N, C-alpha and C. Protein backbone atom coordinates (compact mmCIF):
# COMPACT_ATOMS: atom_id res chain seq x y z
N MET A 1 -66.17 16.29 -15.10
CA MET A 1 -65.02 15.93 -15.87
C MET A 1 -63.74 16.25 -15.13
N SER A 2 -63.81 17.16 -14.22
CA SER A 2 -62.62 17.52 -13.47
C SER A 2 -62.23 16.42 -12.48
N ASP A 3 -63.19 15.55 -12.04
CA ASP A 3 -62.86 14.46 -11.14
C ASP A 3 -61.99 13.41 -11.83
N ARG A 4 -62.22 13.18 -13.09
CA ARG A 4 -61.41 12.20 -13.84
C ARG A 4 -60.00 12.70 -14.06
N ASP A 5 -59.85 13.97 -14.23
CA ASP A 5 -58.53 14.52 -14.48
C ASP A 5 -57.70 14.58 -13.22
N GLY A 6 -58.32 14.36 -12.05
CA GLY A 6 -57.58 14.41 -10.80
C GLY A 6 -57.40 15.83 -10.34
N GLY A 7 -58.19 16.77 -10.85
CA GLY A 7 -58.05 18.18 -10.50
C GLY A 7 -58.76 18.48 -9.21
N SER A 8 -59.85 19.21 -9.28
CA SER A 8 -60.54 19.68 -8.09
C SER A 8 -61.41 18.59 -7.52
N GLY A 9 -61.87 18.82 -6.31
CA GLY A 9 -62.76 17.87 -5.67
C GLY A 9 -62.20 17.44 -4.34
N ASN A 10 -62.91 16.56 -3.66
CA ASN A 10 -62.50 16.10 -2.34
C ASN A 10 -61.43 15.02 -2.41
N SER A 11 -61.20 14.41 -3.55
CA SER A 11 -60.27 13.29 -3.65
C SER A 11 -58.86 13.73 -3.99
N GLY A 12 -58.54 14.97 -3.96
CA GLY A 12 -57.21 15.44 -4.33
C GLY A 12 -56.14 14.89 -3.40
N GLY A 13 -56.34 14.93 -2.09
CA GLY A 13 -55.37 14.42 -1.14
C GLY A 13 -55.36 12.90 -1.10
N ARG A 14 -56.50 12.33 -1.32
CA ARG A 14 -56.62 10.86 -1.28
C ARG A 14 -55.88 10.21 -2.44
N GLY A 15 -55.91 10.86 -3.62
CA GLY A 15 -55.21 10.32 -4.78
C GLY A 15 -53.71 10.21 -4.54
N THR A 16 -53.15 11.17 -3.86
CA THR A 16 -51.73 11.15 -3.55
C THR A 16 -51.41 10.02 -2.59
N GLU A 17 -52.30 9.78 -1.60
CA GLU A 17 -52.10 8.69 -0.65
C GLU A 17 -52.19 7.35 -1.36
N ASP A 18 -53.16 7.22 -2.28
CA ASP A 18 -53.31 5.97 -3.04
C ASP A 18 -52.08 5.69 -3.89
N GLU A 19 -51.56 6.74 -4.51
CA GLU A 19 -50.36 6.57 -5.34
C GLU A 19 -49.17 6.17 -4.49
N ALA A 20 -49.04 6.76 -3.31
CA ALA A 20 -47.93 6.41 -2.42
C ALA A 20 -48.06 4.95 -1.95
N ALA A 21 -49.29 4.53 -1.62
CA ALA A 21 -49.50 3.15 -1.19
C ALA A 21 -49.22 2.17 -2.32
N LEU A 22 -49.66 2.53 -3.52
CA LEU A 22 -49.39 1.65 -4.67
C LEU A 22 -47.91 1.59 -4.99
N SER A 23 -47.22 2.71 -4.88
CA SER A 23 -45.77 2.73 -5.13
C SER A 23 -45.04 1.88 -4.12
N ALA A 24 -45.45 1.99 -2.84
CA ALA A 24 -44.81 1.17 -1.80
C ALA A 24 -45.07 -0.30 -2.04
N ARG A 25 -46.29 -0.65 -2.44
CA ARG A 25 -46.63 -2.05 -2.71
C ARG A 25 -45.85 -2.57 -3.91
N LEU A 26 -45.74 -1.75 -4.94
CA LEU A 26 -44.99 -2.15 -6.13
C LEU A 26 -43.53 -2.39 -5.79
N LYS A 27 -42.96 -1.53 -4.96
CA LYS A 27 -41.56 -1.68 -4.55
C LYS A 27 -41.38 -2.97 -3.75
N ARG A 28 -42.32 -3.25 -2.81
CA ARG A 28 -42.23 -4.45 -1.99
C ARG A 28 -42.36 -5.71 -2.85
N LEU A 29 -43.30 -5.70 -3.79
CA LEU A 29 -43.46 -6.86 -4.67
C LEU A 29 -42.25 -7.07 -5.57
N GLY A 30 -41.64 -5.97 -6.03
CA GLY A 30 -40.43 -6.08 -6.84
C GLY A 30 -39.29 -6.72 -6.06
N GLU A 31 -39.16 -6.34 -4.78
CA GLU A 31 -38.11 -6.93 -3.94
C GLU A 31 -38.37 -8.42 -3.72
N GLU A 32 -39.63 -8.79 -3.46
CA GLU A 32 -39.97 -10.20 -3.27
C GLU A 32 -39.69 -11.01 -4.53
N LEU A 33 -39.98 -10.42 -5.68
CA LEU A 33 -39.74 -11.10 -6.95
C LEU A 33 -38.24 -11.31 -7.16
N ARG A 34 -37.43 -10.31 -6.84
CA ARG A 34 -35.98 -10.47 -6.96
C ARG A 34 -35.46 -11.56 -6.04
N GLU A 35 -36.02 -11.64 -4.81
CA GLU A 35 -35.60 -12.69 -3.89
C GLU A 35 -35.97 -14.07 -4.42
N GLN A 36 -37.15 -14.19 -4.98
CA GLN A 36 -37.58 -15.48 -5.53
C GLN A 36 -36.72 -15.90 -6.71
N ARG A 37 -36.33 -14.95 -7.52
CA ARG A 37 -35.47 -15.27 -8.67
C ARG A 37 -34.10 -15.71 -8.21
N ASN A 38 -33.60 -15.13 -7.13
CA ASN A 38 -32.29 -15.52 -6.60
C ASN A 38 -32.33 -16.89 -5.94
N VAL A 39 -33.47 -17.26 -5.35
CA VAL A 39 -33.60 -18.53 -4.65
C VAL A 39 -33.89 -19.67 -5.62
N ALA A 40 -34.56 -19.40 -6.72
CA ALA A 40 -34.98 -20.44 -7.66
C ALA A 40 -33.76 -21.19 -8.21
N PRO A 41 -33.81 -22.53 -8.22
CA PRO A 41 -32.68 -23.30 -8.76
C PRO A 41 -32.57 -23.12 -10.27
N GLU A 42 -31.36 -23.19 -10.74
CA GLU A 42 -31.14 -23.06 -12.17
C GLU A 42 -31.56 -24.34 -12.87
N LYS A 43 -32.14 -24.18 -14.04
CA LYS A 43 -32.55 -25.33 -14.82
C LYS A 43 -31.32 -25.94 -15.49
N PRO A 44 -31.28 -27.27 -15.59
CA PRO A 44 -30.14 -27.89 -16.25
C PRO A 44 -30.11 -27.54 -17.73
N GLY A 45 -28.94 -27.57 -18.28
CA GLY A 45 -28.77 -27.27 -19.70
C GLY A 45 -29.35 -28.35 -20.58
N PRO A 46 -29.36 -28.13 -21.88
CA PRO A 46 -29.95 -29.12 -22.78
C PRO A 46 -29.23 -30.46 -22.76
N ALA A 47 -27.92 -30.46 -22.51
CA ALA A 47 -27.19 -31.73 -22.49
C ALA A 47 -27.62 -32.58 -21.30
N ALA A 48 -27.84 -31.93 -20.14
CA ALA A 48 -28.27 -32.68 -18.96
C ALA A 48 -29.68 -33.21 -19.16
N GLY A 49 -30.54 -32.43 -19.78
CA GLY A 49 -31.91 -32.88 -20.03
C GLY A 49 -31.95 -34.06 -20.97
N LEU A 50 -31.09 -34.07 -21.97
CA LEU A 50 -31.04 -35.18 -22.92
C LEU A 50 -30.58 -36.45 -22.22
N GLY A 51 -29.54 -36.35 -21.38
CA GLY A 51 -29.05 -37.52 -20.65
C GLY A 51 -30.08 -38.06 -19.70
N SER A 52 -30.78 -37.16 -19.03
CA SER A 52 -31.81 -37.58 -18.09
C SER A 52 -32.97 -38.26 -18.83
N GLY A 53 -33.32 -37.73 -19.98
CA GLY A 53 -34.39 -38.33 -20.77
C GLY A 53 -34.02 -39.72 -21.27
N LEU A 54 -32.78 -39.87 -21.71
CA LEU A 54 -32.32 -41.18 -22.17
C LEU A 54 -32.28 -42.18 -21.02
N THR A 55 -31.86 -41.71 -19.86
CA THR A 55 -31.83 -42.58 -18.69
C THR A 55 -33.23 -43.08 -18.36
N ASP A 56 -34.19 -42.16 -18.36
CA ASP A 56 -35.57 -42.55 -18.09
C ASP A 56 -36.09 -43.52 -19.15
N ALA A 57 -35.77 -43.26 -20.41
CA ALA A 57 -36.25 -44.13 -21.49
C ALA A 57 -35.67 -45.53 -21.37
N PHE A 58 -34.38 -45.65 -21.09
CA PHE A 58 -33.77 -46.97 -20.95
C PHE A 58 -34.31 -47.70 -19.72
N ARG A 59 -34.55 -46.96 -18.63
CA ARG A 59 -35.10 -47.59 -17.43
C ARG A 59 -36.50 -48.14 -17.70
N LEU A 60 -37.33 -47.34 -18.38
CA LEU A 60 -38.68 -47.80 -18.71
C LEU A 60 -38.65 -48.99 -19.66
N ALA A 61 -37.77 -48.94 -20.67
CA ALA A 61 -37.68 -50.04 -21.63
C ALA A 61 -37.18 -51.31 -20.95
N ALA A 62 -36.22 -51.17 -20.05
CA ALA A 62 -35.70 -52.35 -19.35
C ALA A 62 -36.77 -52.98 -18.47
N GLY A 63 -37.58 -52.16 -17.81
CA GLY A 63 -38.66 -52.69 -16.98
C GLY A 63 -39.69 -53.43 -17.81
N PHE A 64 -39.99 -52.90 -18.99
CA PHE A 64 -40.96 -53.56 -19.87
C PHE A 64 -40.40 -54.89 -20.40
N VAL A 65 -39.18 -54.87 -20.90
CA VAL A 65 -38.57 -56.09 -21.45
C VAL A 65 -38.41 -57.15 -20.37
N ALA A 66 -38.06 -56.72 -19.15
CA ALA A 66 -37.91 -57.68 -18.05
C ALA A 66 -39.24 -58.37 -17.75
N GLY A 67 -40.32 -57.61 -17.75
CA GLY A 67 -41.63 -58.21 -17.50
C GLY A 67 -41.99 -59.24 -18.55
N VAL A 68 -41.74 -58.92 -19.81
CA VAL A 68 -42.05 -59.85 -20.90
C VAL A 68 -41.17 -61.09 -20.83
N LEU A 69 -39.87 -60.91 -20.57
CA LEU A 69 -38.97 -62.06 -20.50
C LEU A 69 -39.27 -62.97 -19.31
N VAL A 70 -39.59 -62.39 -18.17
CA VAL A 70 -39.94 -63.21 -17.01
C VAL A 70 -41.22 -64.00 -17.29
N GLY A 71 -42.20 -63.34 -17.90
CA GLY A 71 -43.44 -64.04 -18.26
C GLY A 71 -43.18 -65.18 -19.24
N ALA A 72 -42.36 -64.93 -20.25
CA ALA A 72 -42.05 -65.97 -21.23
C ALA A 72 -41.29 -67.12 -20.57
N GLY A 73 -40.34 -66.80 -19.70
CA GLY A 73 -39.57 -67.83 -19.01
C GLY A 73 -40.45 -68.69 -18.11
N LEU A 74 -41.34 -68.04 -17.36
CA LEU A 74 -42.25 -68.81 -16.51
C LEU A 74 -43.20 -69.67 -17.34
N GLY A 75 -43.67 -69.14 -18.45
CA GLY A 75 -44.55 -69.92 -19.33
C GLY A 75 -43.84 -71.12 -19.92
N TRP A 76 -42.60 -70.94 -20.32
CA TRP A 76 -41.84 -72.05 -20.88
C TRP A 76 -41.61 -73.13 -19.82
N LEU A 77 -41.25 -72.69 -18.59
CA LEU A 77 -41.06 -73.67 -17.51
C LEU A 77 -42.37 -74.38 -17.16
N PHE A 78 -43.45 -73.65 -17.17
CA PHE A 78 -44.76 -74.22 -16.89
C PHE A 78 -45.10 -75.29 -17.94
N ASP A 79 -44.85 -74.96 -19.21
CA ASP A 79 -45.10 -75.93 -20.29
C ASP A 79 -44.20 -77.15 -20.16
N LEU A 80 -42.94 -76.92 -19.83
CA LEU A 80 -41.99 -78.01 -19.69
C LEU A 80 -42.40 -78.94 -18.55
N TRP A 81 -42.87 -78.35 -17.46
CA TRP A 81 -43.25 -79.11 -16.27
C TRP A 81 -44.55 -79.90 -16.48
N LEU A 82 -45.55 -79.25 -17.09
CA LEU A 82 -46.85 -79.89 -17.25
C LEU A 82 -47.09 -80.49 -18.63
N GLY A 83 -46.25 -80.18 -19.59
CA GLY A 83 -46.41 -80.71 -20.94
C GLY A 83 -47.59 -80.10 -21.67
N THR A 84 -47.87 -78.83 -21.43
CA THR A 84 -49.01 -78.16 -22.05
C THR A 84 -48.59 -77.21 -23.16
N SER A 85 -47.48 -77.48 -23.79
CA SER A 85 -46.93 -76.58 -24.80
C SER A 85 -47.94 -76.32 -25.89
N PRO A 86 -48.12 -75.18 -26.37
CA PRO A 86 -47.54 -73.85 -26.13
C PRO A 86 -48.45 -72.95 -25.28
N PHE A 87 -49.47 -73.55 -24.63
CA PHE A 87 -50.49 -72.72 -23.97
C PHE A 87 -49.93 -71.95 -22.76
N GLY A 88 -49.09 -72.57 -21.98
CA GLY A 88 -48.50 -71.88 -20.83
C GLY A 88 -47.63 -70.71 -21.26
N LEU A 89 -46.86 -70.94 -22.33
CA LEU A 89 -46.00 -69.87 -22.84
C LEU A 89 -46.85 -68.69 -23.32
N ILE A 90 -47.91 -68.96 -24.03
CA ILE A 90 -48.77 -67.89 -24.54
C ILE A 90 -49.41 -67.11 -23.39
N VAL A 91 -49.97 -67.86 -22.43
CA VAL A 91 -50.66 -67.20 -21.31
C VAL A 91 -49.69 -66.37 -20.49
N PHE A 92 -48.55 -66.95 -20.13
CA PHE A 92 -47.60 -66.22 -19.29
C PHE A 92 -46.90 -65.11 -20.06
N LEU A 93 -46.75 -65.27 -21.36
CA LEU A 93 -46.19 -64.18 -22.17
C LEU A 93 -47.14 -62.98 -22.15
N LEU A 94 -48.43 -63.24 -22.26
CA LEU A 94 -49.41 -62.15 -22.17
C LEU A 94 -49.43 -61.53 -20.78
N LEU A 95 -49.33 -62.37 -19.75
CA LEU A 95 -49.26 -61.84 -18.39
C LEU A 95 -47.99 -61.01 -18.18
N GLY A 96 -46.89 -61.45 -18.74
CA GLY A 96 -45.64 -60.68 -18.65
C GLY A 96 -45.74 -59.36 -19.38
N PHE A 97 -46.42 -59.37 -20.52
CA PHE A 97 -46.64 -58.13 -21.26
C PHE A 97 -47.46 -57.15 -20.42
N ALA A 98 -48.52 -57.64 -19.80
CA ALA A 98 -49.36 -56.79 -18.96
C ALA A 98 -48.57 -56.27 -17.76
N ALA A 99 -47.76 -57.12 -17.17
CA ALA A 99 -46.94 -56.69 -16.03
C ALA A 99 -45.91 -55.65 -16.46
N GLY A 100 -45.33 -55.82 -17.64
CA GLY A 100 -44.37 -54.85 -18.15
C GLY A 100 -45.00 -53.49 -18.41
N VAL A 101 -46.20 -53.50 -18.99
CA VAL A 101 -46.91 -52.23 -19.22
C VAL A 101 -47.24 -51.57 -17.90
N LEU A 102 -47.70 -52.34 -16.93
CA LEU A 102 -48.02 -51.79 -15.61
C LEU A 102 -46.77 -51.21 -14.94
N ASN A 103 -45.64 -51.90 -15.06
CA ASN A 103 -44.39 -51.38 -14.49
C ASN A 103 -43.99 -50.07 -15.15
N VAL A 104 -44.13 -49.98 -16.46
CA VAL A 104 -43.79 -48.74 -17.16
C VAL A 104 -44.70 -47.60 -16.71
N LEU A 105 -45.98 -47.88 -16.58
CA LEU A 105 -46.92 -46.84 -16.14
C LEU A 105 -46.63 -46.40 -14.71
N ARG A 106 -46.26 -47.34 -13.86
CA ARG A 106 -45.92 -46.98 -12.47
C ARG A 106 -44.65 -46.14 -12.42
N GLU A 107 -43.63 -46.53 -13.15
CA GLU A 107 -42.37 -45.79 -13.14
C GLU A 107 -42.52 -44.42 -13.78
N ALA A 108 -43.39 -44.30 -14.76
CA ALA A 108 -43.62 -43.01 -15.40
C ALA A 108 -44.53 -42.12 -14.57
N GLY A 109 -45.11 -42.67 -13.52
CA GLY A 109 -45.96 -41.88 -12.64
C GLY A 109 -47.39 -41.75 -13.11
N ARG A 110 -47.82 -42.58 -14.02
CA ARG A 110 -49.20 -42.52 -14.53
C ARG A 110 -50.16 -43.34 -13.68
N VAL A 111 -49.62 -44.31 -12.92
CA VAL A 111 -50.44 -45.16 -12.07
C VAL A 111 -49.80 -45.16 -10.69
N LYS A 112 -50.65 -45.06 -9.66
CA LYS A 112 -50.11 -45.08 -8.30
C LYS A 112 -49.58 -46.47 -7.97
N PRO A 113 -48.45 -46.54 -7.28
CA PRO A 113 -47.95 -47.85 -6.85
C PRO A 113 -48.89 -48.44 -5.80
N PRO A 114 -48.86 -49.76 -5.65
CA PRO A 114 -49.77 -50.38 -4.68
C PRO A 114 -49.44 -49.90 -3.27
N SER A 115 -50.47 -49.69 -2.48
CA SER A 115 -50.25 -49.22 -1.11
C SER A 115 -50.59 -50.33 -0.13
N ILE A 116 -49.87 -50.34 0.96
CA ILE A 116 -50.13 -51.32 2.01
C ILE A 116 -51.38 -50.87 2.75
N GLY A 117 -52.23 -51.78 3.06
CA GLY A 117 -53.48 -51.44 3.74
C GLY A 117 -54.53 -50.99 2.76
N GLY A 118 -54.56 -51.61 1.59
CA GLY A 118 -55.53 -51.27 0.57
C GLY A 118 -56.94 -51.64 0.99
N PRO A 119 -57.87 -51.54 0.08
CA PRO A 119 -59.28 -51.81 0.41
C PRO A 119 -59.52 -53.20 0.97
N ALA A 120 -58.76 -54.20 0.50
CA ALA A 120 -58.99 -55.56 0.97
C ALA A 120 -58.51 -55.75 2.40
N GLU A 121 -57.55 -54.94 2.84
CA GLU A 121 -56.98 -55.12 4.17
C GLU A 121 -57.60 -54.19 5.21
N ARG A 122 -58.41 -53.26 4.80
CA ARG A 122 -59.03 -52.34 5.76
C ARG A 122 -60.17 -53.05 6.49
N VAL A 123 -60.15 -52.92 7.78
CA VAL A 123 -61.21 -53.48 8.61
C VAL A 123 -61.77 -52.34 9.43
N GLU A 124 -63.05 -52.09 9.29
CA GLU A 124 -63.68 -51.03 10.06
C GLU A 124 -64.40 -51.64 11.23
N ASP A 125 -64.40 -50.91 12.34
CA ASP A 125 -65.07 -51.39 13.54
C ASP A 125 -66.57 -51.43 13.31
N ASP A 126 -67.18 -52.47 13.79
CA ASP A 126 -68.62 -52.61 13.69
C ASP A 126 -69.25 -51.87 14.87
N PRO A 127 -70.13 -50.92 14.64
CA PRO A 127 -70.71 -50.16 15.74
C PRO A 127 -71.62 -51.01 16.64
N ASP A 128 -72.07 -52.17 16.17
CA ASP A 128 -72.95 -53.02 16.97
C ASP A 128 -72.20 -53.83 18.00
N ASP A 129 -70.90 -54.03 17.80
CA ASP A 129 -70.11 -54.87 18.73
C ASP A 129 -69.78 -54.16 20.00
């Protein structure tokens, strides 16, 4: 029971060394934490966050509406040109809706934007050639 109390035994000198090492480590970590807090950028206030959120919302809404309007316009022109009213408008309106949703997902970061050199463009060397 005397070993738990830190009294007698062979670990008397070692306990002091461990405490000194832990104290030095604690001091070093405290200094690093203070440095990190000083370096960290300040978060914007609630007014800036609200403006940024509204900006993002309007940008996403505009991208969606633009996709739908372009689809509807192309469908109307397609119908006018070929005389297939209202089928072209319906088809292109649906395509514009899908394009608008895809644009919103891309801008919101939910879907990766298309990359150049995708699977269709990759050509691997044939080891037999």
